[in-house]
Amino acid sequence: MEQKRSETIADAVEEMILSGAFADGARLDEVTLAGRFGVSRTPVREAMQRLSLSGLVELRPRRGAFVRQPGPIEMLEMFEVMAELEGVCARLGASRIEDGALNALEAANAACAIAAEAGDADAYYRANEGFHHRLYAESGNRFLAGEALRLHRRLQPYRRLQLRLRGRMAQSLAEHAAIVAALRAGDGDRAAKAVYDHVAVQGEKFRRLMRTFPNDDAA
């Protein structure tokens, strides 16, 4: 129950940060948040720990939790690295993945399709997360999978935010299908390119993402 509360609080605070209710650098007071959500300070503290994994919150010893929004250059750099890491996962996975895992990827994409049809970006993100985590595991390289998973967590709020852009869920579904097709064909280069194109945030996609932020002076 405590874990569920901390997840709910983390999601709510993430939403408030991304919507501009909490500005970059703002202190997130545990007592105030506990009162706001009607809970003890423990699930709030756990929520801050969760948000710190994504880098959206910075925990400072003896000072508390503070909002930290990455600038556009830092965000672009992180997405570039994420695209490369996932591309390597796909390239390795193309020669290692088995039919059961391919079926699991298709099942995850089917769950994405249901969420997209309902217009539920959060449900889509949860199913999408399963798709990408499976992709990391099927690389057959535990170190690579661990690094990809860590950066995935770091980018979680912004990958979730992307899905709210008009047409992005439908586009993502088609990109998933291309990834699975390349993996089924055992074509590592094609799979890597399909994943890179799916994850990288460049050009108009990047500009659209940055326009969703409340303070966008640098974009």
C-alpha atoms as a PDB file:
ATOM      1  CA  MET A   1       0.000   0.000   0.000  1.00  0.00           C
ATOM      2  CA  GLU A   2       2.827   2.414   0.901  1.00  0.00           C
ATOM      3  CA  GLN A   3       4.549   1.661  -2.404  1.00  0.00           C
ATOM      4  CA  LYS A   4       1.326   2.337  -4.317  1.00  0.00           C
ATOM      5  CA  ARG A   5       0.885   5.646  -2.485  1.00  0.00           C
ATOM      6  CA  SER A   6       4.448   6.694  -3.246  1.00  0.00           C
ATOM      7  CA  GLU A   7       3.951   5.846  -6.949  1.00  0.00           C
ATOM      8  CA  THR A   8       0.728   7.874  -7.060  1.00  0.00           C
ATOM      9  CA  ILE A   9       2.410  10.834  -5.361  1.00  0.00           C
ATOM     10  CA  ALA A  10       5.439  10.604  -7.651  1.00  0.00           C
ATOM     11  CA  ASP A  11       3.185  10.638 -10.737  1.00  0.00           C
ATOM     12  CA  ALA A  12       1.228  13.608  -9.407  1.00  0.00           C
ATOM     13  CA  VAL A  13       4.326  15.632  -8.513  1.00  0.00           C
ATOM     14  CA  GLU A  14       5.886  14.782 -11.884  1.00  0.00           C
ATOM     15  CA  GLU A  15       2.762  16.127 -13.584  1.00  0.00           C
ATOM     16  CA  MET A  16       2.890  19.316 -11.514  1.00  0.00           C
ATOM     17  CA  ILE A  17       6.562  19.874 -12.359  1.00  0.00           C
ATOM     18  CA  LEU A  18       6.039  19.317 -16.078  1.00  0.00           C
ATOM     19  CA  SER A  19       2.956  21.564 -16.111  1.00  0.00           C
ATOM     20  CA  GLY A  20       4.844  24.401 -14.402  1.00  0.00           C
ATOM     21  CA  ALA A  21       3.127  24.228 -10.996  1.00  0.00           C
ATOM     22  CA  PHE A  22       6.607  23.786  -9.518  1.00  0.00           C
ATOM     23  CA  ALA A  23       9.333  25.864 -11.136  1.00  0.00           C
ATOM     24  CA  ASP A  24      12.877  24.752 -11.827  1.00  0.00           C
ATOM     25  CA  GLY A  25      14.869  25.012  -8.587  1.00  0.00           C
ATOM     26  CA  ALA A  26      11.792  25.028  -6.340  1.00  0.00           C
ATOM     27  CA  ARG A  27      12.048  23.203  -3.023  1.00  0.00           C
ATOM     28  CA  LEU A  28       9.564  20.367  -2.548  1.00  0.00           C
ATOM     29  CA  ASP A  29       8.628  20.466   1.117  1.00  0.00           C
ATOM     30  CA  GLU A  30       7.788  17.035   2.557  1.00  0.00           C
ATOM     31  CA  VAL A  31       5.407  18.351   5.200  1.00  0.00           C
ATOM     32  CA  THR A  32       3.463  20.461   2.702  1.00  0.00           C
ATOM     33  CA  LEU A  33       3.211  17.593   0.224  1.00  0.00           C
ATOM     34  CA  ALA A  34       2.187  15.132   2.943  1.00  0.00           C
ATOM     35  CA  GLY A  35      -0.652  17.472   3.898  1.00  0.00           C
ATOM     36  CA  ARG A  36      -1.641  17.970   0.271  1.00  0.00           C
ATOM     37  CA  PHE A  37      -1.952  14.217  -0.362  1.00  0.00           C
ATOM     38  CA  GLY A  38      -3.245  13.305   3.097  1.00  0.00           C
ATOM     39  CA  VAL A  39      -0.423  10.898   3.898  1.00  0.00           C
ATOM     40  CA  SER A  40       2.526  10.610   6.261  1.00  0.00           C
ATOM     41  CA  ARG A  41       5.950  11.872   5.208  1.00  0.00           C
ATOM     42  CA  THR A  42       7.180   8.335   4.435  1.00  0.00           C
ATOM     43  CA  PRO A  43       5.432   7.861   1.044  1.00  0.00           C
ATOM     44  CA  VAL A  44       6.347  11.451   0.127  1.00  0.00           C
ATOM     45  CA  ARG A  45      10.000  10.722   0.889  1.00  0.00           C
ATOM     46  CA  GLU A  46       9.783   7.534  -1.204  1.00  0.00           C
ATOM     47  CA  ALA A  47       8.176   9.491  -4.043  1.00  0.00           C
ATOM     48  CA  MET A  48      11.061  11.972  -3.978  1.00  0.00           C
ATOM     49  CA  GLN A  49      13.490   9.060  -4.187  1.00  0.00           C
ATOM     50  CA  ARG A  50      11.628   7.742  -7.254  1.00  0.00           C
ATOM     51  CA  LEU A  51      11.685  11.146  -8.923  1.00  0.00           C
ATOM     52  CA  SER A  52      15.386  11.516  -8.192  1.00  0.00           C
ATOM     53  CA  LEU A  53      16.044   8.397 -10.304  1.00  0.00           C
ATOM     54  CA  SER A  54      14.673  10.249 -13.328  1.00  0.00           C
ATOM     55  CA  GLY A  55      16.695  13.345 -12.447  1.00  0.00           C
ATOM     56  CA  LEU A  56      13.552  15.454 -12.235  1.00  0.00           C
ATOM     57  CA  VAL A  57      14.246  15.992  -8.533  1.00  0.00           C
ATOM     58  CA  GLU A  58      17.614  16.607  -6.915  1.00  0.00           C
ATOM     59  CA  LEU A  59      18.067  15.407  -3.327  1.00  0.00           C
ATOM     60  CA  ARG A  60      20.440  17.630  -1.345  1.00  0.00           C
ATOM     61  CA  PRO A  61      21.728  16.386   2.017  1.00  0.00           C
ATOM     62  CA  ARG A  62      20.182  18.230   4.980  1.00  0.00           C
ATOM     63  CA  ARG A  63      18.379  20.589   2.594  1.00  0.00           C
ATOM     64  CA  GLY A  64      15.676  18.463   0.977  1.00  0.00           C
ATOM     65  CA  ALA A  65      14.323  17.853  -2.534  1.00  0.00           C
ATOM     66  CA  PHE A  66      14.510  20.418  -5.332  1.00  0.00           C
ATOM     67  CA  VAL A  67      13.063  20.494  -8.848  1.00  0.00           C
ATOM     68  CA  ARG A  68      15.638  20.086 -11.586  1.00  0.00           C
ATOM     69  CA  GLN A  69      14.556  20.575 -15.197  1.00  0.00           C
ATOM     70  CA  PRO A  70      17.195  19.713 -17.812  1.00  0.00           C
ATOM     71  CA  GLY A  71      17.877  22.310 -20.480  1.00  0.00           C
ATOM     72  CA  PRO A  72      17.117  21.545 -24.147  1.00  0.00           C
ATOM     73  CA  ILE A  73      20.736  20.682 -25.002  1.00  0.00           C
ATOM     74  CA  GLU A  74      21.082  18.261 -22.088  1.00  0.00           C
ATOM     75  CA  MET A  75      17.775  16.616 -22.992  1.00  0.00           C
ATOM     76  CA  LEU A  76      18.764  16.229 -26.639  1.00  0.00           C
ATOM     77  CA  GLU A  77      22.094  14.696 -25.605  1.00  0.00           C
ATOM     78  CA  MET A  78      20.364  12.190 -23.337  1.00  0.00           C
ATOM     79  CA  PHE A  79      17.933  11.139 -26.069  1.00  0.00           C
ATOM     80  CA  GLU A  80      20.835  10.735 -28.509  1.00  0.00           C
ATOM     81  CA  VAL A  81      22.600   8.377 -26.100  1.00  0.00           C
ATOM     82  CA  MET A  82      19.336   6.523 -25.386  1.00  0.00           C
ATOM     83  CA  ALA A  83      18.766   5.993 -29.099  1.00  0.00           C
ATOM     84  CA  GLU A  84      22.281   4.612 -29.535  1.00  0.00           C
ATOM     85  CA  LEU A  85      21.995   2.269 -26.540  1.00  0.00           C
ATOM     86  CA  GLU A  86      18.638   0.908 -27.657  1.00  0.00           C
ATOM     87  CA  GLY A  87      19.956   0.560 -31.198  1.00  0.00           C
ATOM     88  CA  VAL A  88      22.791  -1.652 -29.943  1.00  0.00           C
ATOM     89  CA  CYS A  89      20.259  -3.703 -27.957  1.00  0.00           C
ATOM     90  CA  ALA A  90      18.280  -4.268 -31.157  1.00  0.00           C
ATOM     91  CA  ARG A  91      21.362  -5.095 -33.239  1.00  0.00           C
ATOM     92  CA  LEU A  92      22.487  -7.730 -30.751  1.00  0.00           C
ATOM     93  CA  GLY A  93      18.963  -8.975 -30.162  1.00  0.00           C
ATOM     94  CA  ALA A  94      18.318  -9.603 -33.850  1.00  0.00           C
ATOM     95  CA  SER A  95      20.620 -12.641 -33.766  1.00  0.00           C
ATOM     96  CA  ARG A  96      19.671 -13.759 -30.238  1.00  0.00           C
ATOM     97  CA  ILE A  97      15.953 -13.230 -29.767  1.00  0.00           C
ATOM     98  CA  GLU A  98      13.624 -16.245 -29.757  1.00  0.00           C
ATOM     99  CA  ASP A  99      10.051 -16.604 -30.970  1.00  0.00           C
ATOM    100  CA  GLY A 100       8.589 -16.369 -27.470  1.00  0.00           C
ATOM    101  CA  ALA A 101      10.231 -12.983 -26.888  1.00  0.00           C
ATOM    102  CA  LEU A 102       9.119 -11.740 -30.302  1.00  0.00           C
ATOM    103  CA  ASN A 103       5.571 -12.744 -29.411  1.00  0.00           C
ATOM    104  CA  ALA A 104       5.924 -10.878 -26.105  1.00  0.00           C
ATOM    105  CA  LEU A 105       7.002  -7.738 -27.985  1.00  0.00           C
ATOM    106  CA  GLU A 106       3.966  -8.034 -30.243  1.00  0.00           C
ATOM    107  CA  ALA A 107       1.719  -8.529 -27.207  1.00  0.00           C
ATOM    108  CA  ALA A 108       3.174  -5.384 -25.611  1.00  0.00           C
ATOM    109  CA  ASN A 109       2.504  -3.473 -28.817  1.00  0.00           C
ATOM    110  CA  ALA A 110      -1.061  -4.822 -28.899  1.00  0.00           C
ATOM    111  CA  ALA A 111      -1.535  -3.386 -25.387  1.00  0.00           C
ATOM    112  CA  CYS A 112      -0.146  -0.093 -26.711  1.00  0.00           C
ATOM    113  CA  ALA A 113      -2.719  -0.202 -29.510  1.00  0.00           C
ATOM    114  CA  ILE A 114      -5.580  -0.613 -27.016  1.00  0.00           C
ATOM    115  CA  ALA A 115      -4.310   2.365 -25.013  1.00  0.00           C
ATOM    116  CA  ALA A 116      -3.893   4.460 -28.161  1.00  0.00           C
ATOM    117  CA  GLU A 117      -7.449   3.663 -29.245  1.00  0.00           C
ATOM    118  CA  ALA A 118      -8.649   4.848 -25.821  1.00  0.00           C
ATOM    119  CA  GLY A 119      -6.477   7.961 -26.040  1.00  0.00           C
ATOM    120  CA  ASP A 120      -4.828   6.965 -22.742  1.00  0.00           C
ATOM    121  CA  ALA A 121      -1.214   8.191 -22.909  1.00  0.00           C
ATOM    122  CA  ASP A 122      -0.369   6.907 -19.426  1.00  0.00           C
ATOM    123  CA  ALA A 123      -1.604   3.376 -20.187  1.00  0.00           C
ATOM    124  CA  TYR A 124       0.278   3.541 -23.469  1.00  0.00           C
ATOM    125  CA  TYR A 125       3.440   4.511 -21.629  1.00  0.00           C
ATOM    126  CA  ARG A 126       3.154   1.531 -19.255  1.00  0.00           C
ATOM    127  CA  ALA A 127       2.748  -0.906 -22.153  1.00  0.00           C
ATOM    128  CA  ASN A 128       5.483   0.861 -24.099  1.00  0.00           C
ATOM    129  CA  GLU A 129       7.796   0.512 -21.098  1.00  0.00           C
ATOM    130  CA  GLY A 130       7.269  -3.255 -21.201  1.00  0.00           C
ATOM    131  CA  PHE A 131       8.146  -3.264 -24.913  1.00  0.00           C
ATOM    132  CA  HIS A 132      11.419  -1.435 -24.367  1.00  0.00           C
ATOM    133  CA  HIS A 133      12.427  -3.389 -21.264  1.00  0.00           C
ATOM    134  CA  ARG A 134      11.958  -6.620 -23.215  1.00  0.00           C
ATOM    135  CA  LEU A 135      14.113  -5.202 -26.006  1.00  0.00           C
ATOM    136  CA  TYR A 136      16.929  -4.500 -23.542  1.00  0.00           C
ATOM    137  CA  ALA A 137      16.750  -7.979 -22.048  1.00  0.00           C
ATOM    138  CA  GLU A 138      16.841  -9.652 -25.473  1.00  0.00           C
ATOM    139  CA  SER A 139      20.187  -8.035 -26.263  1.00  0.00           C
ATOM    140  CA  GLY A 140      21.691 -10.888 -24.275  1.00  0.00           C
ATOM    141  CA  ASN A 141      24.075  -8.416 -22.649  1.00  0.00           C
ATOM    142  CA  ARG A 142      23.214  -7.750 -19.007  1.00  0.00           C
ATOM    143  CA  PHE A 143      25.560  -4.788 -18.642  1.00  0.00           C
ATOM    144  CA  LEU A 144      24.116  -3.084 -21.721  1.00  0.00           C
ATOM    145  CA  ALA A 145      20.559  -3.848 -20.581  1.00  0.00           C
ATOM    146  CA  GLY A 146      21.305  -2.330 -17.174  1.00  0.00           C
ATOM    147  CA  GLU A 147      22.744   0.851 -18.662  1.00  0.00           C
ATOM    148  CA  ALA A 148      19.789   1.195 -21.036  1.00  0.00           C
ATOM    149  CA  LEU A 149      17.346   0.691 -18.164  1.00  0.00           C
ATOM    150  CA  ARG A 150      19.049   3.361 -16.028  1.00  0.00           C
ATOM    151  CA  LEU A 151      18.891   5.966 -18.785  1.00  0.00           C
ATOM    152  CA  HIS A 152      15.319   4.928 -19.597  1.00  0.00           C
ATOM    153  CA  ARG A 153      14.376   5.789 -16.003  1.00  0.00           C
ATOM    154  CA  ARG A 154      16.191   9.112 -16.321  1.00  0.00           C
ATOM    155  CA  LEU A 155      14.139  10.007 -19.396  1.00  0.00           C
ATOM    156  CA  GLN A 156      10.850   8.539 -18.174  1.00  0.00           C
ATOM    157  CA  PRO A 157       8.995  11.850 -17.604  1.00  0.00           C
ATOM    158  CA  TYR A 158       9.929  13.171 -21.037  1.00  0.00           C
ATOM    159  CA  ARG A 159       9.189   9.951 -22.915  1.00  0.00           C
ATOM    160  CA  ARG A 160       5.788   9.943 -21.222  1.00  0.00           C
ATOM    161  CA  LEU A 161       5.265  13.598 -22.143  1.00  0.00           C
ATOM    162  CA  GLN A 162       6.024  12.880 -25.820  1.00  0.00           C
ATOM    163  CA  LEU A 163       3.080  10.516 -26.001  1.00  0.00           C
ATOM    164  CA  ARG A 164       0.681  13.406 -25.378  1.00  0.00           C
ATOM    165  CA  LEU A 165       1.708  15.087 -28.618  1.00  0.00           C
ATOM    166  CA  ARG A 166      -0.999  14.714 -31.258  1.00  0.00           C
ATOM    167  CA  GLY A 167      -0.447  11.663 -33.441  1.00  0.00           C
ATOM    168  CA  ARG A 168       2.567  10.398 -31.495  1.00  0.00           C
ATOM    169  CA  MET A 169       0.939   7.216 -30.159  1.00  0.00           C
ATOM    170  CA  ALA A 170      -0.127   6.095 -33.638  1.00  0.00           C
ATOM    171  CA  GLN A 171       3.338   6.872 -34.983  1.00  0.00           C
ATOM    172  CA  SER A 172       4.949   4.959 -32.113  1.00  0.00           C
ATOM    173  CA  LEU A 173       2.795   1.896 -32.838  1.00  0.00           C
ATOM    174  CA  ALA A 174       3.966   1.813 -36.446  1.00  0.00           C
ATOM    175  CA  GLU A 175       7.580   2.198 -35.335  1.00  0.00           C
ATOM    176  CA  HIS A 176       7.207  -0.711 -32.902  1.00  0.00           C
ATOM    177  CA  ALA A 177       5.877  -2.889 -35.717  1.00  0.00           C
ATOM    178  CA  ALA A 178       8.902  -2.016 -37.879  1.00  0.00           C
ATOM    179  CA  ILE A 179      11.241  -2.937 -35.013  1.00  0.00           C
ATOM    180  CA  VAL A 180       9.590  -6.329 -34.491  1.00  0.00           C
ATOM    181  CA  ALA A 181       9.619  -7.049 -38.240  1.00  0.00           C
ATOM    182  CA  ALA A 182      13.363  -6.350 -38.428  1.00  0.00           C
ATOM    183  CA  LEU A 183      14.016  -8.548 -35.391  1.00  0.00           C
ATOM    184  CA  ARG A 184      11.947 -11.381 -36.880  1.00  0.00           C
ATOM    185  CA  ALA A 185      13.994 -11.103 -40.060  1.00  0.00           C
ATOM    186  CA  GLY A 186      17.206 -11.269 -38.037  1.00  0.00           C
ATOM    187  CA  ASP A 187      18.369  -8.035 -39.657  1.00  0.00           C
ATOM    188  CA  GLY A 188      20.477  -6.331 -37.000  1.00  0.00           C
ATOM    189  CA  ASP A 189      21.274  -3.197 -38.978  1.00  0.00           C
ATOM    190  CA  ARG A 190      17.637  -2.618 -39.911  1.00  0.00           C
ATOM    191  CA  ALA A 191      16.491  -3.279 -36.342  1.00  0.00           C
ATOM    192  CA  ALA A 192      19.080  -0.850 -34.956  1.00  0.00           C
ATOM    193  CA  LYS A 193      18.037   1.888 -37.399  1.00  0.00           C
ATOM    194  CA  ALA A 194      14.337   1.323 -36.666  1.00  0.00           C
ATOM    195  CA  VAL A 195      14.976   1.673 -32.928  1.00  0.00           C
ATOM    196  CA  TYR A 196      17.216   4.719 -33.368  1.00  0.00           C
ATOM    197  CA  ASP A 197      14.571   6.485 -35.456  1.00  0.00           C
ATOM    198  CA  HIS A 198      11.943   5.530 -32.866  1.00  0.00           C
ATOM    199  CA  VAL A 199      13.831   6.895 -29.847  1.00  0.00           C
ATOM    200  CA  ALA A 200      15.856   9.849 -31.150  1.00  0.00           C
ATOM    201  CA  VAL A 201      14.251  13.242 -30.573  1.00  0.00           C
ATOM    202  CA  GLN A 202      15.381  15.473 -33.425  1.00  0.00           C
ATOM    203  CA  GLY A 203      14.094  18.195 -35.687  1.00  0.00           C
ATOM    204  CA  GLU A 204      10.386  18.922 -35.475  1.00  0.00           C
ATOM    205  CA  LYS A 205       9.798  16.197 -32.885  1.00  0.00           C
ATOM    206  CA  PHE A 206      12.243  17.927 -30.531  1.00  0.00           C
ATOM    207  CA  ARG A 207      10.734  21.367 -31.140  1.00  0.00           C
ATOM    208  CA  ARG A 208       7.243  20.044 -30.456  1.00  0.00           C
ATOM    209  CA  LEU A 209       8.403  18.400 -27.238  1.00  0.00           C
ATOM    210  CA  MET A 210      10.092  21.567 -25.984  1.00  0.00           C
ATOM    211  CA  ARG A 211       6.964  23.606 -26.671  1.00  0.00           C
ATOM    212  CA  THR A 212       5.113  21.505 -24.086  1.00  0.00           C
ATOM    213  CA  PHE A 213       7.333  22.837 -21.298  1.00  0.00           C
ATOM    214  CA  PRO A 214       6.136  25.864 -19.317  1.00  0.00           C
ATOM    215  CA  ASN A 215       9.539  27.631 -19.421  1.00  0.00           C
ATOM    216  CA  ASP A 216      10.907  27.292 -22.910  1.00  0.00           C
ATOM    217  CA  ASP A 217      13.125  30.355 -23.248  1.00  0.00           C
ATOM    218  CA  ALA A 218      16.073  28.385 -24.566  1.00  0.00           C
ATOM    219  CA  ALA A 219      14.291  26.461 -27.302  1.00  0.00           C
END
